[in-house]
Amino acid sequence: EVQLVESGGGLVQAGGSLRLSCAVSGFTFNDHAIGWFRQAPGKEREAVSCLSNTGYEASIYYADSVKGRFTISRDNTKNTVYLQMNSLKPEDTAVYYCASRPSPVAVTTFTDYAYWGQGTQVTVSS
């Protein structure tokens, strides 16, 4: 059974930091690209950061709104993907999801991801 479990969300003041984790199981981690997405109330789900398999044309995508503040990484020994979020802003408030697709190449279209975690709430107060 494929599972993605996010953790690390919470309430933080503007300018603060959080690190989200996504522990995956049920598939060969190296065969999947991983993406972090977020969805705020009344808005569409958007790609925040996506990471291709490190052994296949490793590439990283960051949304313009988070470049320079967020960092995605993966630990293949722990089957875990992280999203380090620094200098958080109130507009970063959303439910954050990790997702995987059975391809080495990450894309930003959320409909191309087959597996999703349950989401974790991130709230940034001003």
PDB file of N, CA and C in Angstrom:
ATOM      1  N   GLU A   1       0.839  -1.186   0.000  1.00  0.00           N
ATOM      2  CA  GLU A   1       0.000   0.000   0.000  1.00  0.00           C
ATOM      3  C   GLU A   1       0.881   1.246   0.000  1.00  0.00           C
ATOM      4  N   VAL A   2       0.617   2.133  -0.932  1.00  0.00           N
ATOM      5  CA  VAL A   2       1.373   3.379  -1.015  1.00  0.00           C
ATOM      6  C   VAL A   2       0.887   4.337   0.065  1.00  0.00           C
ATOM      7  N   GLN A   3       1.837   4.888   0.795  1.00  0.00           N
ATOM      8  CA  GLN A   3       1.488   5.877   1.821  1.00  0.00           C
ATOM      9  C   GLN A   3       2.466   7.032   1.802  1.00  0.00           C
ATOM     10  N   LEU A   4       1.941   8.223   1.936  1.00  0.00           N
ATOM     11  CA  LEU A   4       2.742   9.420   2.135  1.00  0.00           C
ATOM     12  C   LEU A   4       2.173  10.114   3.366  1.00  0.00           C
ATOM     13  N   VAL A   5       3.023  10.377   4.320  1.00  0.00           N
ATOM     14  CA  VAL A   5       2.581  10.956   5.579  1.00  0.00           C
ATOM     15  C   VAL A   5       3.372  12.226   5.850  1.00  0.00           C
ATOM     16  N   GLU A   6       2.656  13.355   5.853  1.00  0.00           N
ATOM     17  CA  GLU A   6       3.303  14.633   6.116  1.00  0.00           C
ATOM     18  C   GLU A   6       3.306  14.925   7.615  1.00  0.00           C
ATOM     19  N   SER A   7       4.277  15.698   8.026  1.00  0.00           N
ATOM     20  CA  SER A   7       4.326  16.199   9.395  1.00  0.00           C
ATOM     21  C   SER A   7       5.119  17.497   9.410  1.00  0.00           C
ATOM     22  N   GLY A   8       5.010  18.215  10.505  1.00  0.00           N
ATOM     23  CA  GLY A   8       5.814  19.416  10.676  1.00  0.00           C
ATOM     24  C   GLY A   8       5.073  20.723  10.514  1.00  0.00           C
ATOM     25  N   GLY A   9       3.800  20.660  10.171  1.00  0.00           N
ATOM     26  CA  GLY A   9       3.050  21.905  10.044  1.00  0.00           C
ATOM     27  C   GLY A   9       2.777  22.511  11.412  1.00  0.00           C
ATOM     28  N   GLY A  10       2.196  23.706  11.380  1.00  0.00           N
ATOM     29  CA  GLY A  10       1.867  24.363  12.637  1.00  0.00           C
ATOM     30  C   GLY A  10       1.637  25.840  12.455  1.00  0.00           C
ATOM     31  N   LEU A  11       1.608  26.522  13.594  1.00  0.00           N
ATOM     32  CA  LEU A  11       1.398  27.967  13.617  1.00  0.00           C
ATOM     33  C   LEU A  11       2.730  28.650  13.891  1.00  0.00           C
ATOM     34  N   VAL A  12       3.063  29.624  13.086  1.00  0.00           N
ATOM     35  CA  VAL A  12       4.333  30.324  13.246  1.00  0.00           C
ATOM     36  C   VAL A  12       4.121  31.802  12.913  1.00  0.00           C
ATOM     37  N   GLN A  13       4.919  32.652  13.507  1.00  0.00           N
ATOM     38  CA  GLN A  13       4.838  34.079  13.197  1.00  0.00           C
ATOM     39  C   GLN A  13       5.562  34.383  11.893  1.00  0.00           C
ATOM     40  N   ALA A  14       5.158  35.449  11.265  1.00  0.00           N
ATOM     41  CA  ALA A  14       5.827  35.881  10.045  1.00  0.00           C
ATOM     42  C   ALA A  14       7.324  36.033  10.307  1.00  0.00           C
ATOM     43  N   GLY A  15       8.109  35.552   9.359  1.00  0.00           N
ATOM     44  CA  GLY A  15       9.555  35.571   9.502  1.00  0.00           C
ATOM     45  C   GLY A  15      10.121  34.305  10.097  1.00  0.00           C
ATOM     46  N   GLY A  16       9.267  33.466  10.609  1.00  0.00           N
ATOM     47  CA  GLY A  16       9.711  32.227  11.228  1.00  0.00           C
ATOM     48  C   GLY A  16       9.955  31.118  10.215  1.00  0.00           C
ATOM     49  N   SER A  17      10.262  29.939  10.750  1.00  0.00           N
ATOM     50  CA  SER A  17      10.610  28.793   9.906  1.00  0.00           C
ATOM     51  C   SER A  17       9.853  27.551  10.350  1.00  0.00           C
ATOM     52  N   LEU A  18       9.638  26.673   9.405  1.00  0.00           N
ATOM     53  CA  LEU A  18       9.107  25.338   9.666  1.00  0.00           C
ATOM     54  C   LEU A  18       9.778  24.373   8.704  1.00  0.00           C
ATOM     55  N   ARG A  19       9.878  23.123   9.127  1.00  0.00           N
ATOM     56  CA  ARG A  19      10.353  22.084   8.224  1.00  0.00           C
ATOM     57  C   ARG A  19       9.289  21.008   8.127  1.00  0.00           C
ATOM     58  N   LEU A  20       8.797  20.815   6.929  1.00  0.00           N
ATOM     59  CA  LEU A  20       7.828  19.756   6.676  1.00  0.00           C
ATOM     60  C   LEU A  20       8.564  18.489   6.264  1.00  0.00           C
ATOM     61  N   SER A  21       8.029  17.372   6.696  1.00  0.00           N
ATOM     62  CA  SER A  21       8.568  16.073   6.315  1.00  0.00           C
ATOM     63  C   SER A  21       7.482  15.252   5.634  1.00  0.00           C
ATOM     64  N   CYS A  22       7.906  14.432   4.715  1.00  0.00           N
ATOM     65  CA  CYS A  22       6.984  13.530   4.027  1.00  0.00           C
ATOM     66  C   CYS A  22       7.632  12.149   3.990  1.00  0.00           C
ATOM     67  N   ALA A  23       7.121  11.250   4.801  1.00  0.00           N
ATOM     68  CA  ALA A  23       7.633   9.889   4.850  1.00  0.00           C
ATOM     69  C   ALA A  23       6.812   9.028   3.901  1.00  0.00           C
ATOM     70  N   VAL A  24       7.505   8.330   3.023  1.00  0.00           N
ATOM     71  CA  VAL A  24       6.805   7.541   2.021  1.00  0.00           C
ATOM     72  C   VAL A  24       7.082   6.057   2.200  1.00  0.00           C
ATOM     73  N   SER A  25       6.141   5.244   1.790  1.00  0.00           N
ATOM     74  CA  SER A  25       6.298   3.802   1.850  1.00  0.00           C
ATOM     75  C   SER A  25       5.387   3.168   0.805  1.00  0.00           C
ATOM     76  N   GLY A  26       5.690   1.915   0.503  1.00  0.00           N
ATOM     77  CA  GLY A  26       4.831   1.174  -0.408  1.00  0.00           C
ATOM     78  C   GLY A  26       5.257   1.225  -1.860  1.00  0.00           C
ATOM     79  N   PHE A  27       6.348   1.927  -2.147  1.00  0.00           N
ATOM     80  CA  PHE A  27       6.855   1.927  -3.511  1.00  0.00           C
ATOM     81  C   PHE A  27       8.358   2.188  -3.462  1.00  0.00           C
ATOM     82  N   THR A  28       8.998   1.961  -4.584  1.00  0.00           N
ATOM     83  CA  THR A  28      10.437   2.171  -4.667  1.00  0.00           C
ATOM     84  C   THR A  28      10.694   3.668  -4.740  1.00  0.00           C
ATOM     85  N   PHE A  29      11.226   4.196  -3.671  1.00  0.00           N
ATOM     86  CA  PHE A  29      11.374   5.636  -3.522  1.00  0.00           C
ATOM     87  C   PHE A  29      12.149   6.246  -4.679  1.00  0.00           C
ATOM     88  N   ASN A  30      13.196   5.596  -5.120  1.00  0.00           N
ATOM     89  CA  ASN A  30      14.046   6.153  -6.171  1.00  0.00           C
ATOM     90  C   ASN A  30      13.350   6.232  -7.522  1.00  0.00           C
ATOM     91  N   ASP A  31      12.250   5.529  -7.692  1.00  0.00           N
ATOM     92  CA  ASP A  31      11.545   5.520  -8.974  1.00  0.00           C
ATOM     93  C   ASP A  31      10.499   6.624  -9.097  1.00  0.00           C
ATOM     94  N   HIS A  32      10.322   7.384  -8.017  1.00  0.00           N
ATOM     95  CA  HIS A  32       9.262   8.376  -8.007  1.00  0.00           C
ATOM     96  C   HIS A  32       9.810   9.790  -7.870  1.00  0.00           C
ATOM     97  N   ALA A  33       9.207  10.700  -8.597  1.00  0.00           N
ATOM     98  CA  ALA A  33       9.429  12.116  -8.351  1.00  0.00           C
ATOM     99  C   ALA A  33       8.457  12.575  -7.260  1.00  0.00           C
ATOM    100  N   ILE A  34       8.876  13.575  -6.521  1.00  0.00           N
ATOM    101  CA  ILE A  34       8.097  14.050  -5.374  1.00  0.00           C
ATOM    102  C   ILE A  34       7.812  15.538  -5.535  1.00  0.00           C
ATOM    103  N   GLY A  35       6.617  15.933  -5.167  1.00  0.00           N
ATOM    104  CA  GLY A  35       6.273  17.344  -5.209  1.00  0.00           C
ATOM    105  C   GLY A  35       5.610  17.779  -3.917  1.00  0.00           C
ATOM    106  N   TRP A  36       5.831  19.022  -3.555  1.00  0.00           N
ATOM    107  CA  TRP A  36       5.088  19.664  -2.475  1.00  0.00           C
ATOM    108  C   TRP A  36       4.109  20.646  -3.112  1.00  0.00           C
ATOM    109  N   PHE A  37       2.875  20.546  -2.694  1.00  0.00           N
ATOM    110  CA  PHE A  37       1.828  21.429  -3.186  1.00  0.00           C
ATOM    111  C   PHE A  37       1.154  22.085  -1.990  1.00  0.00           C
ATOM    112  N   ARG A  38       0.444  23.157  -2.256  1.00  0.00           N
ATOM    113  CA  ARG A  38      -0.325  23.785  -1.181  1.00  0.00           C
ATOM    114  C   ARG A  38      -1.647  24.300  -1.729  1.00  0.00           C
ATOM    115  N   GLN A  39      -2.582  24.385  -0.822  1.00  0.00           N
ATOM    116  CA  GLN A  39      -3.896  24.895  -1.194  1.00  0.00           C
ATOM    117  C   GLN A  39      -4.436  25.757  -0.072  1.00  0.00           C
ATOM    118  N   ALA A  40      -4.664  27.010  -0.397  1.00  0.00           N
ATOM    119  CA  ALA A  40      -5.262  27.945   0.547  1.00  0.00           C
ATOM    120  C   ALA A  40      -6.768  27.986   0.303  1.00  0.00           C
ATOM    121  N   PRO A  41      -7.548  28.383   1.294  1.00  0.00           N
ATOM    122  CA  PRO A  41      -9.004  28.441   1.130  1.00  0.00           C
ATOM    123  C   PRO A  41      -9.406  29.294  -0.066  1.00  0.00           C
ATOM    124  N   GLY A  42     -10.241  28.735  -0.925  1.00  0.00           N
ATOM    125  CA  GLY A  42     -10.739  29.470  -2.078  1.00  0.00           C
ATOM    126  C   GLY A  42      -9.769  29.561  -3.239  1.00  0.00           C
ATOM    127  N   LYS A  43      -8.630  28.906  -3.111  1.00  0.00           N
ATOM    128  CA  LYS A  43      -7.630  28.959  -4.181  1.00  0.00           C
ATOM    129  C   LYS A  43      -7.351  27.569  -4.727  1.00  0.00           C
ATOM    130  N   GLU A  44      -6.780  27.545  -5.925  1.00  0.00           N
ATOM    131  CA  GLU A  44      -6.413  26.276  -6.531  1.00  0.00           C
ATOM    132  C   GLU A  44      -5.156  25.716  -5.891  1.00  0.00           C
ATOM    133  N   ARG A  45      -5.036  24.409  -5.958  1.00  0.00           N
ATOM    134  CA  ARG A  45      -3.814  23.761  -5.483  1.00  0.00           C
ATOM    135  C   ARG A  45      -2.668  24.163  -6.405  1.00  0.00           C
ATOM    136  N   GLU A  46      -1.564  24.529  -5.806  1.00  0.00           N
ATOM    137  CA  GLU A  46      -0.426  24.977  -6.600  1.00  0.00           C
ATOM    138  C   GLU A  46       0.847  24.245  -6.197  1.00  0.00           C
ATOM    139  N   ALA A  47       1.725  24.093  -7.153  1.00  0.00           N
ATOM    140  CA  ALA A  47       3.016  23.473  -6.885  1.00  0.00           C
ATOM    141  C   ALA A  47       3.912  24.465  -6.163  1.00  0.00           C
ATOM    142  N   VAL A  48       4.503  24.019  -5.105  1.00  0.00           N
ATOM    143  CA  VAL A  48       5.443  24.834  -4.336  1.00  0.00           C
ATOM    144  C   VAL A  48       6.874  24.475  -4.723  1.00  0.00           C
ATOM    145  N   SER A  49       7.159  23.181  -4.695  1.00  0.00           N
ATOM    146  CA  SER A  49       8.485  22.719  -5.048  1.00  0.00           C
ATOM    147  C   SER A  49       8.389  21.265  -5.478  1.00  0.00           C
ATOM    148  N   CYS A  50       9.134  20.921  -6.514  1.00  0.00           N
ATOM    149  CA  CYS A  50       9.107  19.556  -7.039  1.00  0.00           C
ATOM    150  C   CYS A  50      10.529  19.096  -7.289  1.00  0.00           C
ATOM    151  N   LEU A  51      10.751  17.810  -7.040  1.00  0.00           N
ATOM    152  CA  LEU A  51      12.099  17.266  -7.092  1.00  0.00           C
ATOM    153  C   LEU A  51      12.114  15.969  -7.876  1.00  0.00           C
ATOM    154  N   SER A  52      12.916  15.969  -8.920  1.00  0.00           N
ATOM    155  CA  SER A  52      13.078  14.747  -9.685  1.00  0.00           C
ATOM    156  C   SER A  52      14.011  13.785  -8.959  1.00  0.00           C
ATOM    157  N   ASN A  53      14.009  12.556  -9.388  1.00  0.00           N
ATOM    158  CA  ASN A  53      14.891  11.544  -8.815  1.00  0.00           C
ATOM    159  C   ASN A  53      16.347  12.001  -8.934  1.00  0.00           C
ATOM    160  N   THR A  54      17.087  11.868  -7.865  1.00  0.00           N
ATOM    161  CA  THR A  54      18.447  12.401  -7.859  1.00  0.00           C
ATOM    162  C   THR A  54      19.347  11.718  -8.868  1.00  0.00           C
ATOM    163  N   GLY A  55      18.967  10.529  -9.283  1.00  0.00           N
ATOM    164  CA  GLY A  55      19.829   9.835 -10.218  1.00  0.00           C
ATOM    165  C   GLY A  55      19.414   9.997 -11.667  1.00  0.00           C
ATOM    166  N   TYR A  56      18.440  10.841 -11.936  1.00  0.00           N
ATOM    167  CA  TYR A  56      17.926  10.984 -13.292  1.00  0.00           C
ATOM    168  C   TYR A  56      17.700  12.453 -13.575  1.00  0.00           C
ATOM    169  N   GLU A  57      18.672  13.094 -14.171  1.00  0.00           N
ATOM    170  CA  GLU A  57      18.544  14.506 -14.528  1.00  0.00           C
ATOM    171  C   GLU A  57      17.930  15.290 -13.375  1.00  0.00           C
ATOM    172  N   ALA A  58      18.642  15.212 -12.257  1.00  0.00           N
ATOM    173  CA  ALA A  58      18.125  15.869 -11.065  1.00  0.00           C
ATOM    174  C   ALA A  58      17.785  17.320 -11.366  1.00  0.00           C
ATOM    175  N   SER A  59      16.590  17.691 -11.014  1.00  0.00           N
ATOM    176  CA  SER A  59      16.177  19.063 -11.230  1.00  0.00           C
ATOM    177  C   SER A  59      15.187  19.438 -10.148  1.00  0.00           C
ATOM    178  N   ILE A  60      15.162  20.670  -9.830  1.00  0.00           N
ATOM    179  CA  ILE A  60      14.308  21.170  -8.777  1.00  0.00           C
ATOM    180  C   ILE A  60      13.505  22.358  -9.296  1.00  0.00           C
ATOM    181  N   TYR A  61      12.222  22.339  -8.964  1.00  0.00           N
ATOM    182  CA  TYR A  61      11.350  23.462  -9.289  1.00  0.00           C
ATOM    183  C   TYR A  61      10.942  24.156  -8.006  1.00  0.00           C
ATOM    184  N   TYR A  62      10.949  25.462  -8.051  1.00  0.00           N
ATOM    185  CA  TYR A  62      10.382  26.272  -6.981  1.00  0.00           C
ATOM    186  C   TYR A  62       9.434  27.291  -7.595  1.00  0.00           C
ATOM    187  N   ALA A  63       8.306  27.443  -6.980  1.00  0.00           N
ATOM    188  CA  ALA A  63       7.419  28.524  -7.387  1.00  0.00           C
ATOM    189  C   ALA A  63       8.126  29.856  -7.134  1.00  0.00           C
ATOM    190  N   ASP A  64       7.865  30.828  -7.976  1.00  0.00           N
ATOM    191  CA  ASP A  64       8.509  32.129  -7.830  1.00  0.00           C
ATOM    192  C   ASP A  64       8.278  32.718  -6.439  1.00  0.00           C
ATOM    193  N   SER A  65       7.115  32.448  -5.893  1.00  0.00           N
ATOM    194  CA  SER A  65       6.753  33.045  -4.617  1.00  0.00           C
ATOM    195  C   SER A  65       7.565  32.503  -3.442  1.00  0.00           C
ATOM    196  N   VAL A  66       8.261  31.373  -3.640  1.00  0.00           N
ATOM    197  CA  VAL A  66       9.011  30.779  -2.533  1.00  0.00           C
ATOM    198  C   VAL A  66      10.505  30.687  -2.801  1.00  0.00           C
ATOM    199  N   LYS A  67      10.928  31.067  -3.992  1.00  0.00           N
ATOM    200  CA  LYS A  67      12.356  30.991  -4.323  1.00  0.00           C
ATOM    201  C   LYS A  67      13.175  31.806  -3.334  1.00  0.00           C
ATOM    202  N   GLY A  68      14.258  31.193  -2.903  1.00  0.00           N
ATOM    203  CA  GLY A  68      15.132  31.865  -1.953  1.00  0.00           C
ATOM    204  C   GLY A  68      14.707  31.694  -0.506  1.00  0.00           C
ATOM    205  N   ARG A  69      13.506  31.165  -0.286  1.00  0.00           N
ATOM    206  CA  ARG A  69      13.010  30.981   1.081  1.00  0.00           C
ATOM    207  C   ARG A  69      12.789  29.508   1.423  1.00  0.00           C
ATOM    208  N   PHE A  70      12.381  28.715   0.455  1.00  0.00           N
ATOM    209  CA  PHE A  70      12.085  27.298   0.668  1.00  0.00           C
ATOM    210  C   PHE A  70      13.165  26.441   0.027  1.00  0.00           C
ATOM    211  N   THR A  71      13.426  25.291   0.649  1.00  0.00           N
ATOM    212  CA  THR A  71      14.392  24.340   0.110  1.00  0.00           C
ATOM    213  C   THR A  71      13.815  22.937   0.214  1.00  0.00           C
ATOM    214  N   ILE A  72      13.806  22.234  -0.895  1.00  0.00           N
ATOM    215  CA  ILE A  72      13.346  20.849  -0.908  1.00  0.00           C
ATOM    216  C   ILE A  72      14.557  19.929  -0.907  1.00  0.00           C
ATOM    217  N   SER A  73      14.430  18.812  -0.232  1.00  0.00           N
ATOM    218  CA  SER A  73      15.506  17.827  -0.226  1.00  0.00           C
ATOM    219  C   SER A  73      14.904  16.456   0.010  1.00  0.00           C
ATOM    220  N   ARG A  74      15.659  15.442  -0.303  1.00  0.00           N
ATOM    221  CA  ARG A  74      15.187  14.085  -0.059  1.00  0.00           C
ATOM    222  C   ARG A  74      16.313  13.263   0.527  1.00  0.00           C
ATOM    223  N   ASP A  75      15.952  12.375   1.428  1.00  0.00           N
ATOM    224  CA  ASP A  75      16.888  11.448   2.040  1.00  0.00           C
ATOM    225  C   ASP A  75      16.462  10.050   1.614  1.00  0.00           C
ATOM    226  N   ASN A  76      17.172   9.504   0.644  1.00  0.00           N
ATOM    227  CA  ASN A  76      16.783   8.200   0.113  1.00  0.00           C
ATOM    228  C   ASN A  76      16.982   7.083   1.133  1.00  0.00           C
ATOM    229  N   THR A  77      17.831   7.292   2.117  1.00  0.00           N
ATOM    230  CA  THR A  77      18.038   6.254   3.131  1.00  0.00           C
ATOM    231  C   THR A  77      16.874   6.180   4.112  1.00  0.00           C
ATOM    232  N   LYS A  78      16.116   7.275   4.190  1.00  0.00           N
ATOM    233  CA  LYS A  78      14.978   7.322   5.107  1.00  0.00           C
ATOM    234  C   LYS A  78      13.642   7.374   4.374  1.00  0.00           C
ATOM    235  N   ASN A  79      13.691   7.330   3.060  1.00  0.00           N
ATOM    236  CA  ASN A  79      12.464   7.442   2.266  1.00  0.00           C
ATOM    237  C   ASN A  79      11.637   8.657   2.686  1.00  0.00           C
ATOM    238  N   THR A  80      12.319   9.759   2.814  1.00  0.00           N
ATOM    239  CA  THR A  80      11.676  10.973   3.320  1.00  0.00           C
ATOM    240  C   THR A  80      12.076  12.169   2.466  1.00  0.00           C
ATOM    241  N   VAL A  81      11.099  13.032   2.237  1.00  0.00           N
ATOM    242  CA  VAL A  81      11.333  14.296   1.542  1.00  0.00           C
ATOM    243  C   VAL A  81      11.035  15.422   2.516  1.00  0.00           C
ATOM    244  N   TYR A  82      11.831  16.460   2.454  1.00  0.00           N
ATOM    245  CA  TYR A  82      11.683  17.592   3.363  1.00  0.00           C
ATOM    246  C   TYR A  82      11.413  18.875   2.585  1.00  0.00           C
ATOM    247  N   LEU A  83      10.726  19.774   3.242  1.00  0.00           N
ATOM    248  CA  LEU A  83      10.563  21.122   2.713  1.00  0.00           C
ATOM    249  C   LEU A  83      10.901  22.084   3.845  1.00  0.00           C
ATOM    250  N   GLN A  84      12.069  22.678   3.746  1.00  0.00           N
ATOM    251  CA  GLN A  84      12.478  23.675   4.725  1.00  0.00           C
ATOM    252  C   GLN A  84      11.930  25.023   4.298  1.00  0.00           C
ATOM    253  N   MET A  85      11.157  25.639   5.172  1.00  0.00           N
ATOM    254  CA  MET A  85      10.509  26.894   4.846  1.00  0.00           C
ATOM    255  C   MET A  85      11.002  27.970   5.801  1.00  0.00           C
ATOM    256  N   ASN A  86      11.684  28.947   5.250  1.00  0.00           N
ATOM    257  CA  ASN A  86      12.212  30.058   6.029  1.00  0.00           C
ATOM    258  C   ASN A  86      11.538  31.364   5.631  1.00  0.00           C
ATOM    259  N   SER A  87      11.690  32.354   6.458  1.00  0.00           N
ATOM    260  CA  SER A  87      11.127  33.690   6.185  1.00  0.00           C
ATOM    261  C   SER A  87       9.667  33.596   5.776  1.00  0.00           C
ATOM    262  N   LEU A  88       8.925  32.858   6.543  1.00  0.00           N
ATOM    263  CA  LEU A  88       7.526  32.617   6.194  1.00  0.00           C
ATOM    264  C   LEU A  88       6.708  33.900   6.224  1.00  0.00           C
ATOM    265  N   LYS A  89       5.729  33.940   5.335  1.00  0.00           N
ATOM    266  CA  LYS A  89       4.849  35.090   5.191  1.00  0.00           C
ATOM    267  C   LYS A  89       3.400  34.659   5.409  1.00  0.00           C
ATOM    268  N   PRO A  90       2.538  35.574   5.785  1.00  0.00           N
ATOM    269  CA  PRO A  90       1.120  35.192   5.953  1.00  0.00           C
ATOM    270  C   PRO A  90       0.527  34.555   4.697  1.00  0.00           C
ATOM    271  N   GLU A  91       0.996  34.971   3.540  1.00  0.00           N
ATOM    272  CA  GLU A  91       0.458  34.392   2.297  1.00  0.00           C
ATOM    273  C   GLU A  91       0.918  32.965   2.046  1.00  0.00           C
ATOM    274  N   ASP A  92       1.806  32.452   2.883  1.00  0.00           N
ATOM    275  CA  ASP A  92       2.197  31.045   2.805  1.00  0.00           C
ATOM    276  C   ASP A  92       1.206  30.145   3.538  1.00  0.00           C
ATOM    277  N   THR A  93       0.256  30.741   4.217  1.00  0.00           N
ATOM    278  CA  THR A  93      -0.740  29.961   4.949  1.00  0.00           C
ATOM    279  C   THR A  93      -1.553  29.099   3.995  1.00  0.00           C
ATOM    280  N   ALA A  94      -1.575  27.801   4.269  1.00  0.00           N
ATOM    281  CA  ALA A  94      -2.273  26.845   3.405  1.00  0.00           C
ATOM    282  C   ALA A  94      -2.142  25.450   4.009  1.00  0.00           C
ATOM    283  N   VAL A  95      -2.868  24.517   3.411  1.00  0.00           N
ATOM    284  CA  VAL A  95      -2.619  23.105   3.688  1.00  0.00           C
ATOM    285  C   VAL A  95      -1.557  22.644   2.685  1.00  0.00           C
ATOM    286  N   TYR A  96      -0.512  22.054   3.206  1.00  0.00           N
ATOM    287  CA  TYR A  96       0.590  21.587   2.377  1.00  0.00           C
ATOM    288  C   TYR A  96       0.497  20.074   2.205  1.00  0.00           C
ATOM    289  N   TYR A  97       0.652  19.644   0.961  1.00  0.00           N
ATOM    290  CA  TYR A  97       0.583  18.236   0.626  1.00  0.00           C
ATOM    291  C   TYR A  97       1.866  17.792  -0.057  1.00  0.00           C
ATOM    292  N   CYS A  98       2.292  16.577   0.227  1.00  0.00           N
ATOM    293  CA  CYS A  98       3.321  15.986  -0.612  1.00  0.00           C
ATOM    294  C   CYS A  98       2.648  14.962  -1.509  1.00  0.00           C
ATOM    295  N   ALA A  99       3.243  14.765  -2.664  1.00  0.00           N
ATOM    296  CA  ALA A  99       2.674  13.870  -3.649  1.00  0.00           C
ATOM    297  C   ALA A  99       3.791  13.205  -4.427  1.00  0.00           C
ATOM    298  N   SER A 100       3.500  12.049  -4.970  1.00  0.00           N
ATOM    299  CA  SER A 100       4.502  11.353  -5.768  1.00  0.00           C
ATOM    300  C   SER A 100       3.883  10.883  -7.075  1.00  0.00           C
ATOM    301  N   ARG A 101       4.753  10.719  -8.053  1.00  0.00           N
ATOM    302  CA  ARG A 101       4.310  10.178  -9.336  1.00  0.00           C
ATOM    303  C   ARG A 101       5.322   9.118  -9.755  1.00  0.00           C
ATOM    304  N   PRO A 102       4.829   8.032 -10.362  1.00  0.00           N
ATOM    305  CA  PRO A 102       5.712   6.908 -10.714  1.00  0.00           C
ATOM    306  C   PRO A 102       6.535   7.203 -11.957  1.00  0.00           C
ATOM    307  N   SER A 103       7.348   8.215 -11.853  1.00  0.00           N
ATOM    308  CA  SER A 103       8.239   8.636 -12.922  1.00  0.00           C
ATOM    309  C   SER A 103       9.430   9.316 -12.265  1.00  0.00           C
ATOM    310  N   PRO A 104      10.599   9.225 -12.865  1.00  0.00           N
ATOM    311  CA  PRO A 104      11.753   9.928 -12.275  1.00  0.00           C
ATOM    312  C   PRO A 104      11.664  11.445 -12.429  1.00  0.00           C
ATOM    313  N   VAL A 105      10.800  11.911 -13.313  1.00  0.00           N
ATOM    314  CA  VAL A 105      10.772  13.334 -13.663  1.00  0.00           C
ATOM    315  C   VAL A 105       9.596  14.029 -12.966  1.00  0.00           C
ATOM    316  N   ALA A 106       9.921  15.082 -12.265  1.00  0.00           N
ATOM    317  CA  ALA A 106       8.882  15.860 -11.590  1.00  0.00           C
ATOM    318  C   ALA A 106       8.238  16.855 -12.554  1.00  0.00           C
ATOM    319  N   VAL A 107       6.957  17.075 -12.355  1.00  0.00           N
ATOM    320  CA  VAL A 107       6.228  18.089 -13.110  1.00  0.00           C
ATOM    321  C   VAL A 107       5.440  18.916 -12.112  1.00  0.00           C
ATOM    322  N   THR A 108       4.883  20.019 -12.571  1.00  0.00           N
ATOM    323  CA  THR A 108       4.205  20.913 -11.636  1.00  0.00           C
ATOM    324  C   THR A 108       2.689  20.793 -11.662  1.00  0.00           C
ATOM    325  N   THR A 109       2.166  19.964 -12.541  1.00  0.00           N
ATOM    326  CA  THR A 109       0.720  19.803 -12.650  1.00  0.00           C
ATOM    327  C   THR A 109       0.251  18.791 -11.631  1.00  0.00           C
ATOM    328  N   PHE A 110      -0.611  19.226 -10.712  1.00  0.00           N
ATOM    329  CA  PHE A 110      -0.942  18.325  -9.609  1.00  0.00           C
ATOM    330  C   PHE A 110      -1.722  17.105 -10.086  1.00  0.00           C
ATOM    331  N   THR A 111      -2.416  17.205 -11.194  1.00  0.00           N
ATOM    332  CA  THR A 111      -3.180  16.056 -11.686  1.00  0.00           C
ATOM    333  C   THR A 111      -2.278  14.943 -12.198  1.00  0.00           C
ATOM    334  N   ASP A 112      -1.002  15.235 -12.386  1.00  0.00           N
ATOM    335  CA  ASP A 112      -0.051  14.214 -12.837  1.00  0.00           C
ATOM    336  C   ASP A 112       0.541  13.413 -11.688  1.00  0.00           C
ATOM    337  N   TYR A 113       0.134  13.711 -10.483  1.00  0.00           N
ATOM    338  CA  TYR A 113       0.639  12.983  -9.326  1.00  0.00           C
ATOM    339  C   TYR A 113      -0.399  11.969  -8.870  1.00  0.00           C
ATOM    340  N   ALA A 114       0.055  10.735  -8.697  1.00  0.00           N
ATOM    341  CA  ALA A 114      -0.883   9.648  -8.417  1.00  0.00           C
ATOM    342  C   ALA A 114      -1.154   9.450  -6.931  1.00  0.00           C
ATOM    343  N   TYR A 115      -0.177   9.793  -6.112  1.00  0.00           N
ATOM    344  CA  TYR A 115      -0.299   9.480  -4.691  1.00  0.00           C
ATOM    345  C   TYR A 115      -0.132  10.746  -3.864  1.00  0.00           C
ATOM    346  N   TRP A 116      -0.970  10.855  -2.835  1.00  0.00           N
ATOM    347  CA  TRP A 116      -1.004  12.072  -2.030  1.00  0.00           C
ATOM    348  C   TRP A 116      -1.030  11.749  -0.543  1.00  0.00           C
ATOM    349  N   GLY A 117      -0.423  12.625   0.225  1.00  0.00           N
ATOM    350  CA  GLY A 117      -0.557  12.543   1.665  1.00  0.00           C
ATOM    351  C   GLY A 117      -1.831  13.226   2.107  1.00  0.00           C
ATOM    352  N   GLN A 118      -2.039  13.217   3.410  1.00  0.00           N
ATOM    353  CA  GLN A 118      -3.287  13.758   3.957  1.00  0.00           C
ATOM    354  C   GLN A 118      -3.240  15.271   4.131  1.00  0.00           C
ATOM    355  N   GLY A 119      -2.070  15.842   4.036  1.00  0.00           N
ATOM    356  CA  GLY A 119      -1.911  17.285   4.172  1.00  0.00           C
ATOM    357  C   GLY A 119      -1.582  17.694   5.592  1.00  0.00           C
ATOM    358  N   THR A 120      -0.877  18.808   5.699  1.00  0.00           N
ATOM    359  CA  THR A 120      -0.555  19.381   6.999  1.00  0.00           C
ATOM    360  C   THR A 120      -0.765  20.892   6.938  1.00  0.00           C
ATOM    361  N   GLN A 121      -1.400  21.423   7.961  1.00  0.00           N
ATOM    362  CA  GLN A 121      -1.752  22.842   7.958  1.00  0.00           C
ATOM    363  C   GLN A 121      -0.558  23.681   8.371  1.00  0.00           C
ATOM    364  N   VAL A 122      -0.303  24.711   7.592  1.00  0.00           N
ATOM    365  CA  VAL A 122       0.696  25.720   7.926  1.00  0.00           C
ATOM    366  C   VAL A 122      -0.025  27.060   8.038  1.00  0.00           C
ATOM    367  N   THR A 123       0.097  27.687   9.187  1.00  0.00           N
ATOM    368  CA  THR A 123      -0.528  28.984   9.413  1.00  0.00           C
ATOM    369  C   THR A 123       0.536  29.972   9.847  1.00  0.00           C
ATOM    370  N   VAL A 124       0.629  31.071   9.109  1.00  0.00           N
ATOM    371  CA  VAL A 124       1.618  32.099   9.406  1.00  0.00           C
ATOM    372  C   VAL A 124       0.874  33.360   9.838  1.00  0.00           C
ATOM    373  N   SER A 125       1.119  33.774  11.051  1.00  0.00           N
ATOM    374  CA  SER A 125       0.443  34.963  11.577  1.00  0.00           C
ATOM    375  C   SER A 125       1.285  36.206  11.320  1.00  0.00           C
ATOM    376  N   SER A 126       0.599  37.311  11.142  1.00  0.00           N
ATOM    377  CA  SER A 126       1.309  38.564  10.860  1.00  0.00           C
ATOM    378  C   SER A 126       1.649  39.314  12.132  1.00  0.00           C
TER     379      SER A 126
END
